[in-house]
N, C-alpha and C. Protein backbone atom coordinates (compact mmCIF):
# COMPACT_ATOMS: atom_id res chain seq x y z
N MET A 1 4.16 1.82 -20.02
CA MET A 1 5.28 2.26 -19.23
C MET A 1 5.04 3.65 -18.66
N LEU A 2 4.56 4.53 -19.50
CA LEU A 2 4.40 5.92 -19.06
C LEU A 2 3.39 6.07 -17.91
N LEU A 3 2.49 5.15 -17.77
CA LEU A 3 1.56 5.22 -16.68
C LEU A 3 2.21 4.93 -15.43
N CYS A 4 3.31 4.18 -15.41
CA CYS A 4 3.95 3.92 -14.13
C CYS A 4 4.85 5.03 -13.57
N GLN A 5 5.30 5.91 -14.50
CA GLN A 5 6.24 6.83 -14.10
C GLN A 5 5.79 7.80 -12.97
N PRO A 6 4.62 8.31 -12.98
CA PRO A 6 4.19 9.20 -11.81
C PRO A 6 4.18 8.44 -10.53
N ALA A 7 3.79 7.20 -10.46
CA ALA A 7 3.84 6.39 -9.27
C ALA A 7 5.31 6.24 -8.80
N ILE A 8 6.21 6.00 -9.75
CA ILE A 8 7.61 5.86 -9.36
C ILE A 8 8.23 7.21 -8.84
N ALA A 9 7.84 8.28 -9.53
CA ALA A 9 8.29 9.55 -9.00
C ALA A 9 7.73 9.91 -7.59
N ASP A 10 6.54 9.59 -7.44
CA ASP A 10 5.87 9.69 -6.10
C ASP A 10 6.52 8.78 -5.02
N ASP A 11 6.87 7.56 -5.41
CA ASP A 11 7.57 6.66 -4.51
C ASP A 11 8.92 7.27 -4.18
N LEU A 12 9.59 7.83 -5.14
CA LEU A 12 10.93 8.35 -4.89
C LEU A 12 10.87 9.63 -4.00
N ASP A 13 9.85 10.45 -4.18
CA ASP A 13 9.67 11.60 -3.46
C ASP A 13 9.27 11.20 -1.96
N ASP A 14 8.46 10.14 -1.78
CA ASP A 14 8.07 9.70 -0.49
C ASP A 14 9.26 9.08 0.25
N LEU A 15 10.10 8.36 -0.54
CA LEU A 15 11.37 7.75 0.12
C LEU A 15 12.23 8.85 0.65
N LYS A 16 12.47 9.81 -0.28
CA LYS A 16 13.33 10.99 0.17
C LYS A 16 12.75 11.77 1.45
N ALA A 17 11.45 11.90 1.44
CA ALA A 17 10.79 12.52 2.64
C ALA A 17 11.00 11.67 3.81
N THR A 18 10.85 10.35 3.76
CA THR A 18 11.02 9.46 4.91
C THR A 18 12.48 9.54 5.37
N VAL A 19 13.39 9.56 4.50
CA VAL A 19 14.82 9.60 4.85
C VAL A 19 15.14 10.99 5.56
N MET A 20 14.56 12.00 5.01
CA MET A 20 14.81 13.33 5.65
C MET A 20 14.21 13.39 7.03
N LYS A 21 12.97 12.78 7.18
CA LYS A 21 12.34 12.79 8.49
C LYS A 21 13.17 11.99 9.50
N MET A 22 13.77 10.93 9.04
CA MET A 22 14.62 10.03 9.90
C MET A 22 15.87 10.86 10.25
N SER A 23 16.45 11.56 9.32
CA SER A 23 17.65 12.34 9.52
C SER A 23 17.38 13.46 10.54
N GLN A 24 16.28 14.19 10.35
CA GLN A 24 15.98 15.19 11.31
C GLN A 24 15.69 14.63 12.70
N ALA A 25 15.08 13.49 12.73
CA ALA A 25 14.70 12.86 14.06
C ALA A 25 16.08 12.47 14.81
N VAL A 26 17.03 11.92 13.99
CA VAL A 26 18.42 11.65 14.56
C VAL A 26 19.12 12.86 15.06
N ASN A 27 19.06 13.91 14.28
CA ASN A 27 19.68 15.19 14.60
C ASN A 27 19.09 15.90 15.83
N THR A 28 17.81 15.71 16.01
CA THR A 28 17.12 16.34 17.10
C THR A 28 16.83 15.52 18.34
N GLY A 29 17.22 14.19 18.26
CA GLY A 29 16.96 13.33 19.34
C GLY A 29 15.53 12.85 19.53
N ASP A 30 14.80 12.97 18.38
CA ASP A 30 13.43 12.53 18.38
C ASP A 30 13.34 11.05 18.08
N VAL A 31 13.48 10.27 19.18
CA VAL A 31 13.60 8.83 19.13
C VAL A 31 12.25 8.23 18.64
N GLU A 32 11.19 8.77 19.01
CA GLU A 32 9.88 8.26 18.73
C GLU A 32 9.69 8.23 17.19
N THR A 33 10.01 9.36 16.56
CA THR A 33 9.83 9.56 15.08
C THR A 33 10.81 8.59 14.42
N LEU A 34 12.01 8.54 14.89
CA LEU A 34 13.05 7.67 14.27
C LEU A 34 12.61 6.15 14.28
N PHE A 35 12.23 5.67 15.40
CA PHE A 35 11.76 4.33 15.55
C PHE A 35 10.47 3.96 14.92
N ALA A 36 9.64 4.94 14.70
CA ALA A 36 8.43 4.74 13.89
C ALA A 36 8.74 4.44 12.37
N CYS A 37 9.93 4.84 11.95
CA CYS A 37 10.40 4.64 10.54
C CYS A 37 11.09 3.28 10.37
N LEU A 38 11.37 2.61 11.47
CA LEU A 38 12.16 1.40 11.38
C LEU A 38 11.19 0.18 11.42
N ASP A 39 11.46 -0.77 10.54
CA ASP A 39 10.65 -2.00 10.52
C ASP A 39 10.86 -2.84 11.78
N ASP A 40 9.82 -3.50 12.26
CA ASP A 40 9.91 -4.24 13.49
C ASP A 40 11.01 -5.33 13.50
N ASN A 41 11.42 -5.79 12.24
CA ASN A 41 12.41 -6.82 12.18
C ASN A 41 13.68 -6.27 11.41
N MET A 42 14.03 -5.05 11.62
CA MET A 42 15.08 -4.33 10.98
C MET A 42 16.46 -5.04 11.19
N ALA A 43 17.29 -5.20 10.19
CA ALA A 43 18.63 -5.61 10.41
C ALA A 43 19.56 -4.48 10.37
N LYS A 44 20.58 -4.48 11.26
CA LYS A 44 21.65 -3.52 11.27
C LYS A 44 23.00 -4.20 11.29
N PHE A 45 23.87 -3.78 10.33
CA PHE A 45 25.22 -4.30 10.24
C PHE A 45 26.17 -3.51 11.00
N GLU A 46 26.85 -4.18 12.02
CA GLU A 46 27.86 -3.47 12.79
C GLU A 46 29.25 -3.88 12.31
N PRO A 47 29.97 -2.93 11.72
CA PRO A 47 31.25 -3.27 11.23
C PRO A 47 32.25 -3.68 12.28
N GLU A 48 32.00 -3.37 13.54
CA GLU A 48 32.91 -3.74 14.59
C GLU A 48 32.95 -5.27 14.71
N ASP A 49 31.86 -5.92 14.54
CA ASP A 49 31.84 -7.38 14.73
C ASP A 49 31.59 -8.14 13.38
N GLY A 50 31.19 -7.41 12.36
CA GLY A 50 30.95 -7.95 11.10
C GLY A 50 29.63 -8.84 11.02
N ILE A 51 28.82 -8.69 12.01
CA ILE A 51 27.59 -9.52 12.08
C ILE A 51 26.37 -8.73 11.92
N PRO A 52 25.40 -9.14 11.09
CA PRO A 52 24.17 -8.36 11.03
C PRO A 52 23.36 -8.62 12.21
N HIS A 53 22.68 -7.73 12.78
CA HIS A 53 21.93 -7.88 13.97
C HIS A 53 20.45 -7.52 13.55
N VAL A 54 19.50 -8.42 14.06
CA VAL A 54 18.11 -8.19 13.70
C VAL A 54 17.37 -7.60 14.92
N LEU A 55 16.64 -6.52 14.79
CA LEU A 55 15.83 -5.99 15.87
C LEU A 55 14.44 -6.54 15.65
N ASN A 56 14.02 -7.49 16.60
CA ASN A 56 12.58 -7.82 16.67
C ASN A 56 11.97 -6.78 17.61
N LYS A 57 10.61 -6.99 17.68
CA LYS A 57 9.85 -5.98 18.56
C LYS A 57 10.45 -5.75 19.94
N ASP A 58 10.80 -6.86 20.65
CA ASP A 58 11.28 -6.76 22.01
C ASP A 58 12.69 -6.09 22.02
N ILE A 59 13.56 -6.52 21.13
CA ILE A 59 14.91 -5.93 21.12
C ILE A 59 14.83 -4.44 20.60
N LYS A 60 13.96 -4.22 19.70
CA LYS A 60 13.74 -2.84 19.23
C LYS A 60 13.36 -1.89 20.31
N GLU A 61 12.45 -2.31 21.19
CA GLU A 61 12.12 -1.40 22.36
C GLU A 61 13.24 -1.21 23.32
N ARG A 62 14.05 -2.22 23.53
CA ARG A 62 15.31 -2.03 24.42
C ARG A 62 16.29 -1.10 23.77
N VAL A 63 16.46 -1.23 22.44
CA VAL A 63 17.42 -0.38 21.69
C VAL A 63 16.88 1.04 21.80
N LYS A 64 15.58 1.22 21.64
CA LYS A 64 14.96 2.54 21.60
C LYS A 64 15.23 3.25 23.00
N GLN A 65 15.02 2.42 24.09
CA GLN A 65 15.31 3.01 25.41
C GLN A 65 16.81 3.35 25.53
N GLY A 66 17.70 2.60 24.93
CA GLY A 66 19.07 2.86 24.93
C GLY A 66 19.40 4.21 24.27
N PHE A 67 18.72 4.48 23.12
CA PHE A 67 18.84 5.72 22.38
C PHE A 67 18.42 6.88 23.24
N ILE A 68 17.20 6.73 23.88
CA ILE A 68 16.67 7.80 24.73
C ILE A 68 17.67 8.13 25.78
N LYS A 69 18.25 7.18 26.48
CA LYS A 69 19.31 7.45 27.50
C LYS A 69 20.53 8.06 26.91
N TRP A 70 20.95 7.61 25.70
CA TRP A 70 22.20 8.15 25.11
C TRP A 70 22.02 9.60 24.80
N TYR A 71 20.80 10.00 24.26
CA TYR A 71 20.50 11.42 23.93
C TYR A 71 20.44 12.29 25.15
N GLU A 72 20.39 11.78 26.34
CA GLU A 72 20.37 12.57 27.59
C GLU A 72 21.81 13.18 27.76
N THR A 73 22.81 12.46 27.22
CA THR A 73 24.19 12.97 27.46
C THR A 73 24.95 13.31 26.19
N HIS A 74 24.30 13.20 25.09
CA HIS A 74 25.00 13.45 23.76
C HIS A 74 24.15 14.22 22.85
N ILE A 75 24.84 14.97 21.86
CA ILE A 75 24.15 15.58 20.80
C ILE A 75 24.80 15.02 19.55
N TYR A 76 23.86 14.70 18.67
CA TYR A 76 24.30 14.10 17.40
C TYR A 76 23.98 15.08 16.23
N MET A 77 24.91 15.30 15.41
CA MET A 77 24.65 16.13 14.21
C MET A 77 25.30 15.46 12.96
N GLY A 78 24.36 15.02 12.11
CA GLY A 78 24.77 14.40 10.86
C GLY A 78 24.43 15.26 9.65
N MET A 79 25.41 15.33 8.75
CA MET A 79 25.20 16.06 7.48
C MET A 79 25.51 15.28 6.33
N TRP A 80 24.47 15.07 5.52
CA TRP A 80 24.63 14.11 4.37
C TRP A 80 25.33 14.91 3.27
N HIS A 81 26.07 14.15 2.40
CA HIS A 81 26.74 14.69 1.28
C HIS A 81 26.40 13.86 0.05
N LYS A 82 25.59 14.50 -0.78
CA LYS A 82 25.16 13.85 -2.02
C LYS A 82 24.56 12.48 -1.89
N PRO A 83 23.56 12.31 -1.09
CA PRO A 83 22.99 10.95 -1.03
C PRO A 83 22.34 10.55 -2.33
N GLU A 84 22.28 9.29 -2.65
CA GLU A 84 21.68 8.73 -3.81
C GLU A 84 20.45 7.90 -3.40
N PHE A 85 19.39 7.99 -4.17
CA PHE A 85 18.13 7.33 -3.93
C PHE A 85 17.70 6.53 -5.15
N ARG A 86 17.22 5.27 -4.91
CA ARG A 86 16.67 4.48 -5.98
C ARG A 86 15.47 3.80 -5.46
N VAL A 87 14.44 3.60 -6.30
CA VAL A 87 13.22 2.83 -6.01
C VAL A 87 13.11 1.74 -7.04
N ILE A 88 13.00 0.51 -6.59
CA ILE A 88 12.80 -0.60 -7.51
C ILE A 88 11.55 -1.37 -6.92
N GLY A 89 10.42 -1.24 -7.53
CA GLY A 89 9.24 -1.84 -7.06
C GLY A 89 8.92 -1.27 -5.69
N ASN A 90 8.71 -2.12 -4.60
CA ASN A 90 8.43 -1.62 -3.35
C ASN A 90 9.70 -1.52 -2.40
N THR A 91 10.88 -1.55 -3.06
CA THR A 91 12.14 -1.46 -2.38
C THR A 91 12.87 -0.14 -2.63
N GLY A 92 13.30 0.49 -1.63
CA GLY A 92 14.01 1.82 -1.71
C GLY A 92 15.41 1.63 -1.22
N LEU A 93 16.39 2.17 -2.05
CA LEU A 93 17.81 2.07 -1.63
C LEU A 93 18.34 3.49 -1.48
N VAL A 94 19.05 3.71 -0.48
CA VAL A 94 19.71 5.02 -0.18
C VAL A 94 21.19 4.76 0.20
N TRP A 95 22.04 5.56 -0.34
CA TRP A 95 23.50 5.45 0.00
C TRP A 95 24.23 6.71 -0.17
N GLY A 96 25.41 6.77 0.45
CA GLY A 96 26.17 7.97 0.29
C GLY A 96 27.15 8.15 1.38
N LEU A 97 27.50 9.39 1.64
CA LEU A 97 28.41 9.77 2.68
C LEU A 97 27.79 10.74 3.70
N VAL A 98 28.22 10.68 4.92
CA VAL A 98 27.60 11.51 6.00
C VAL A 98 28.83 11.94 6.87
N GLU A 99 28.72 13.22 7.25
CA GLU A 99 29.72 13.75 8.26
C GLU A 99 28.98 13.85 9.55
N VAL A 100 29.57 13.24 10.55
CA VAL A 100 28.87 13.16 11.84
C VAL A 100 29.71 13.81 12.91
N THR A 101 29.02 14.66 13.77
CA THR A 101 29.71 15.25 14.96
C THR A 101 28.86 14.79 16.16
N VAL A 102 29.51 14.25 17.09
CA VAL A 102 28.89 13.84 18.40
C VAL A 102 29.49 14.65 19.47
N VAL A 103 28.65 15.33 20.27
CA VAL A 103 29.13 16.13 21.42
C VAL A 103 28.68 15.51 22.69
N ASN A 104 29.62 15.33 23.57
CA ASN A 104 29.27 14.82 24.87
C ASN A 104 28.90 16.04 25.70
N LYS A 105 27.59 16.04 26.19
CA LYS A 105 27.01 17.23 26.89
C LYS A 105 27.72 17.47 28.19
N ASN A 106 28.26 16.48 28.86
CA ASN A 106 28.93 16.59 30.09
C ASN A 106 30.20 17.26 30.01
N SER A 107 31.10 16.75 29.07
CA SER A 107 32.44 17.22 28.89
C SER A 107 32.60 18.37 27.88
N GLY A 108 31.63 18.49 26.94
CA GLY A 108 31.70 19.41 25.89
C GLY A 108 32.60 18.93 24.76
N ILE A 109 33.18 17.74 24.88
CA ILE A 109 34.13 17.21 23.82
C ILE A 109 33.26 16.76 22.66
N ALA A 110 33.73 17.27 21.47
CA ALA A 110 33.12 16.83 20.21
C ALA A 110 34.06 15.86 19.43
N GLN A 111 33.46 14.93 18.82
CA GLN A 111 34.22 14.03 17.94
C GLN A 111 33.58 14.05 16.55
N LYS A 112 34.37 14.17 15.52
CA LYS A 112 33.82 14.22 14.08
C LYS A 112 34.26 12.95 13.43
N SER A 113 33.41 12.36 12.65
CA SER A 113 33.78 11.22 11.84
C SER A 113 33.07 11.35 10.48
N PHE A 114 33.60 10.57 9.55
CA PHE A 114 33.00 10.55 8.16
C PHE A 114 32.62 9.06 7.95
N LEU A 115 31.43 8.91 7.49
CA LEU A 115 30.95 7.48 7.30
C LEU A 115 30.40 7.36 5.93
N LYS A 116 30.49 6.16 5.40
CA LYS A 116 29.77 5.77 4.14
C LYS A 116 28.53 5.00 4.75
N PHE A 117 27.39 5.07 4.15
CA PHE A 117 26.25 4.43 4.62
C PHE A 117 25.41 3.81 3.52
N SER A 118 24.59 2.83 3.82
CA SER A 118 23.60 2.34 2.91
C SER A 118 22.37 1.97 3.74
N GLN A 119 21.25 2.14 3.19
CA GLN A 119 19.99 1.78 3.83
C GLN A 119 19.05 1.18 2.86
N THR A 120 18.30 0.14 3.28
CA THR A 120 17.31 -0.44 2.44
C THR A 120 15.97 -0.21 3.09
N PHE A 121 14.97 0.24 2.28
CA PHE A 121 13.58 0.47 2.80
C PHE A 121 12.62 -0.40 2.06
N VAL A 122 11.52 -0.80 2.66
CA VAL A 122 10.42 -1.45 2.02
C VAL A 122 9.09 -0.68 2.24
N LYS A 123 8.37 -0.54 1.09
CA LYS A 123 7.15 0.23 1.17
C LYS A 123 5.99 -0.79 1.54
N SER A 124 5.32 -0.53 2.63
CA SER A 124 4.31 -1.40 3.07
C SER A 124 3.12 -0.55 3.55
N GLU A 125 1.89 -0.82 2.99
CA GLU A 125 0.73 -0.04 3.38
C GLU A 125 0.88 1.41 3.14
N GLY A 126 1.58 1.79 2.05
CA GLY A 126 1.78 3.10 1.66
C GLY A 126 2.86 3.95 2.45
N LYS A 127 3.62 3.19 3.23
CA LYS A 127 4.67 3.89 4.07
C LYS A 127 6.00 3.17 3.88
N TRP A 128 7.10 3.96 3.81
CA TRP A 128 8.39 3.43 3.77
C TRP A 128 8.90 3.02 5.17
N PHE A 129 9.48 1.82 5.32
CA PHE A 129 10.13 1.39 6.59
C PHE A 129 11.55 0.92 6.29
N CYS A 130 12.48 1.37 7.15
CA CYS A 130 13.93 0.99 7.04
C CYS A 130 13.96 -0.47 7.46
N VAL A 131 14.53 -1.36 6.65
CA VAL A 131 14.73 -2.74 7.02
C VAL A 131 16.14 -3.15 7.17
N PHE A 132 17.07 -2.28 6.66
CA PHE A 132 18.50 -2.54 6.84
C PHE A 132 19.27 -1.26 6.85
N ASN A 133 20.20 -1.16 7.72
CA ASN A 133 21.10 0.04 7.90
C ASN A 133 22.47 -0.43 8.06
N HIS A 134 23.42 0.33 7.30
CA HIS A 134 24.91 0.01 7.51
C HIS A 134 25.65 1.38 7.47
N GLN A 135 26.49 1.53 8.42
CA GLN A 135 27.47 2.63 8.35
C GLN A 135 28.82 2.17 8.60
N SER A 136 29.84 2.63 7.85
CA SER A 136 31.22 2.30 8.14
C SER A 136 32.02 3.58 8.10
N PRO A 137 33.00 3.69 8.99
CA PRO A 137 33.84 4.85 9.03
C PRO A 137 34.74 4.79 7.77
N ILE A 138 35.03 6.09 7.24
CA ILE A 138 36.07 6.21 6.20
C ILE A 138 37.16 7.03 6.75
N PRO A 139 38.37 6.93 6.21
CA PRO A 139 39.49 7.69 6.75
C PRO A 139 39.29 9.16 6.82
N SER A 140 39.58 9.81 8.00
CA SER A 140 39.39 11.19 8.18
C SER A 140 40.27 12.03 7.23
N THR A 141 41.19 11.45 6.53
CA THR A 141 41.98 12.22 5.63
C THR A 141 41.16 12.60 4.34
N LEU A 142 40.13 11.93 4.12
CA LEU A 142 39.31 12.24 2.94
C LEU A 142 38.54 13.53 3.17
N THR A 143 38.32 14.30 2.22
CA THR A 143 37.48 15.52 2.25
C THR A 143 36.21 15.26 1.55
N LEU A 144 35.07 15.53 2.11
CA LEU A 144 33.83 15.29 1.46
C LEU A 144 33.47 16.40 0.57
N PRO A 145 32.79 16.11 -0.54
CA PRO A 145 32.40 17.20 -1.57
C PRO A 145 31.52 18.19 -0.94
C-alpha cells in the first residue's frame, strides 16, 4: 500500500494543476487551453432543462466557437471557495462553491452569482480530461466562506 501513495499524491497534484489551468483559462478567455482539457465526449448537465448534454467532437468545436464569440463581448471572473479534490484510480472528482462575476463589455453591467459545482475527470495517457461538468446557482443570500 505504501508504494501506491506517491502515485496517488502525484495524481492529486496533477488533478489540482489541471483544474487550476482550466480555471485560469476560463478567467482569461483562453478557449484553446480550456477546450484542450475537455474530453471529446464530455457531458455537461444544464440545470435549466435538467438534461445532460454530450459534446462529441463536432458539437465540441461548435461550442468552442460559441465561447470565442461570447468572450468578445464578456469578461468572466470566477473565484473558487474551498474546492475539494479526490482521486480514485484514474477518476478525479472536484466539487465546491464558486463566486462568478460576468461583465458585459458593451454596457459595463456586471452580474454576480454564486454556484455550486462538481466536475469529474478521467486520467488518460498521463493527462486529466474533464468528462462531466455541473454548475447550479445557489441563493444570493448565502455568504461564501
